């Protein structure tokens, strides 16, 4: 590795298996990343459609959390009917 550290120590620090990190390193050594492939540091702005969909999904997520919490707290006899 370019840092001089072993793959094993870096994998352990990242919570990965050695074999996973070794595969990534080998792949990058075989196929160096081009400038176009590298992720950019700037976020791409969301389109209006994406922002709208995200807002709807967040609302649905909140509704589902509330339903889950209600079902968790209801009596067991009611849960059998709800499922």
C-alpha atoms as a PDB file:
ATOM      1  CA  UNK A   1       0.000   0.000   0.000  1.00  0.00           C
ATOM      2  CA  UNK A   2       1.220   3.526  -0.594  1.00  0.00           C
ATOM      3  CA  UNK A   3       1.042   4.395   3.118  1.00  0.00           C
ATOM      4  CA  UNK A   4       3.522   1.648   3.933  1.00  0.00           C
ATOM      5  CA  UNK A   5       0.992  -0.129   6.161  1.00  0.00           C
ATOM      6  CA  UNK A   6      -0.024  -3.719   5.601  1.00  0.00           C
ATOM      7  CA  UNK A   7      -3.345  -4.612   4.025  1.00  0.00           C
ATOM      8  CA  UNK A   8      -4.157  -6.615   7.131  1.00  0.00           C
ATOM      9  CA  UNK A   9      -3.755  -3.670   9.500  1.00  0.00           C
ATOM     10  CA  UNK A  10      -5.769  -1.312   7.276  1.00  0.00           C
ATOM     11  CA  UNK A  11      -8.517  -3.927   6.813  1.00  0.00           C
ATOM     12  CA  UNK A  12      -8.728  -4.433  10.565  1.00  0.00           C
ATOM     13  CA  UNK A  13      -8.953  -0.676  11.152  1.00  0.00           C
ATOM     14  CA  UNK A  14     -11.780  -0.420   8.592  1.00  0.00           C
ATOM     15  CA  UNK A  15     -13.601  -3.482   9.906  1.00  0.00           C
ATOM     16  CA  UNK A  16     -13.071  -5.451   6.698  1.00  0.00           C
ATOM     17  CA  UNK A  17     -11.712  -8.889   5.959  1.00  0.00           C
ATOM     18  CA  UNK A  18      -8.193  -8.921   4.525  1.00  0.00           C
ATOM     19  CA  UNK A  19      -9.395 -10.710   1.399  1.00  0.00           C
ATOM     20  CA  UNK A  20     -11.934  -7.981   0.562  1.00  0.00           C
ATOM     21  CA  UNK A  21      -9.428  -5.145   0.844  1.00  0.00           C
ATOM     22  CA  UNK A  22      -6.770  -7.163  -0.987  1.00  0.00           C
ATOM     23  CA  UNK A  23      -9.198  -7.704  -3.897  1.00  0.00           C
ATOM     24  CA  UNK A  24      -9.905  -3.949  -4.089  1.00  0.00           C
ATOM     25  CA  UNK A  25      -6.209  -3.089  -4.030  1.00  0.00           C
ATOM     26  CA  UNK A  26      -5.405  -5.691  -6.700  1.00  0.00           C
ATOM     27  CA  UNK A  27      -8.217  -4.402  -8.911  1.00  0.00           C
ATOM     28  CA  UNK A  28      -7.000  -0.811  -8.626  1.00  0.00           C
ATOM     29  CA  UNK A  29      -3.439  -1.877  -9.431  1.00  0.00           C
ATOM     30  CA  UNK A  30      -4.640  -3.716 -12.569  1.00  0.00           C
ATOM     31  CA  UNK A  31      -7.073  -1.004 -13.692  1.00  0.00           C
ATOM     32  CA  UNK A  32      -5.924   2.408 -12.480  1.00  0.00           C
ATOM     33  CA  UNK A  33      -8.822   4.773 -11.990  1.00  0.00           C
ATOM     34  CA  UNK A  34      -9.124   7.409 -14.664  1.00  0.00           C
ATOM     35  CA  UNK A  35      -9.955  10.989 -13.734  1.00  0.00           C
ATOM     36  CA  UNK A  36     -13.467  10.487 -15.127  1.00  0.00           C
ATOM     37  CA  UNK A  37     -14.062   7.440 -12.898  1.00  0.00           C
ATOM     38  CA  UNK A  38     -13.014   9.058  -9.634  1.00  0.00           C
ATOM     39  CA  UNK A  39     -15.823  10.445  -7.517  1.00  0.00           C
ATOM     40  CA  UNK A  40     -16.046  14.200  -7.361  1.00  0.00           C
ATOM     41  CA  UNK A  41     -15.994  16.124  -4.127  1.00  0.00           C
ATOM     42  CA  UNK A  42     -18.906  18.310  -5.195  1.00  0.00           C
ATOM     43  CA  UNK A  43     -22.440  16.995  -4.842  1.00  0.00           C
ATOM     44  CA  UNK A  44     -24.577  16.983  -7.950  1.00  0.00           C
ATOM     45  CA  UNK A  45     -27.679  19.113  -7.390  1.00  0.00           C
ATOM     46  CA  UNK A  46     -30.969  17.254  -7.251  1.00  0.00           C
ATOM     47  CA  UNK A  47     -33.545  17.745  -9.963  1.00  0.00           C
ATOM     48  CA  UNK A  48     -37.022  18.967  -8.996  1.00  0.00           C
ATOM     49  CA  UNK A  49     -38.411  15.467  -9.665  1.00  0.00           C
ATOM     50  CA  UNK A  50     -35.837  13.877  -7.384  1.00  0.00           C
ATOM     51  CA  UNK A  51     -36.472  16.412  -4.629  1.00  0.00           C
ATOM     52  CA  UNK A  52     -40.216  15.821  -4.898  1.00  0.00           C
ATOM     53  CA  UNK A  53     -39.787  12.043  -4.780  1.00  0.00           C
ATOM     54  CA  UNK A  54     -37.449  12.334  -1.801  1.00  0.00           C
ATOM     55  CA  UNK A  55     -40.004  14.446   0.082  1.00  0.00           C
ATOM     56  CA  UNK A  56     -42.757  11.894  -0.644  1.00  0.00           C
ATOM     57  CA  UNK A  57     -40.550   9.002   0.454  1.00  0.00           C
ATOM     58  CA  UNK A  58     -39.673  10.791   3.693  1.00  0.00           C
ATOM     59  CA  UNK A  59     -43.367  11.359   4.418  1.00  0.00           C
ATOM     60  CA  UNK A  60     -44.144   7.703   3.708  1.00  0.00           C
ATOM     61  CA  UNK A  61     -41.231   6.622   5.880  1.00  0.00           C
ATOM     62  CA  UNK A  62     -42.540   8.709   8.782  1.00  0.00           C
ATOM     63  CA  UNK A  63     -46.057   7.276   8.344  1.00  0.00           C
ATOM     64  CA  UNK A  64     -44.700   3.724   8.326  1.00  0.00           C
ATOM     65  CA  UNK A  65     -42.661   4.396  11.483  1.00  0.00           C
ATOM     66  CA  UNK A  66     -45.775   5.679  13.228  1.00  0.00           C
ATOM     67  CA  UNK A  67     -47.780   2.612  12.144  1.00  0.00           C
ATOM     68  CA  UNK A  68     -45.003   0.322  13.347  1.00  0.00           C
ATOM     69  CA  UNK A  69     -44.837   2.063  16.710  1.00  0.00           C
ATOM     70  CA  UNK A  70     -48.614   1.859  17.128  1.00  0.00           C
ATOM     71  CA  UNK A  71     -48.606  -1.867  16.342  1.00  0.00           C
ATOM     72  CA  UNK A  72     -45.698  -2.466  18.731  1.00  0.00           C
ATOM     73  CA  UNK A  73     -47.670  -0.901  21.572  1.00  0.00           C
ATOM     74  CA  UNK A  74     -51.083  -2.460  20.917  1.00  0.00           C
ATOM     75  CA  UNK A  75     -52.293  -5.572  22.758  1.00  0.00           C
ATOM     76  CA  UNK A  76     -51.238  -8.962  21.373  1.00  0.00           C
ATOM     77  CA  UNK A  77     -54.819  -9.878  20.502  1.00  0.00           C
ATOM     78  CA  UNK A  78     -55.050  -6.846  18.182  1.00  0.00           C
ATOM     79  CA  UNK A  79     -51.722  -7.639  16.502  1.00  0.00           C
ATOM     80  CA  UNK A  80     -53.055 -11.007  15.340  1.00  0.00           C
ATOM     81  CA  UNK A  81     -55.861  -9.228  13.471  1.00  0.00           C
ATOM     82  CA  UNK A  82     -53.570  -6.527  12.038  1.00  0.00           C
ATOM     83  CA  UNK A  83     -51.103  -8.969  10.471  1.00  0.00           C
END
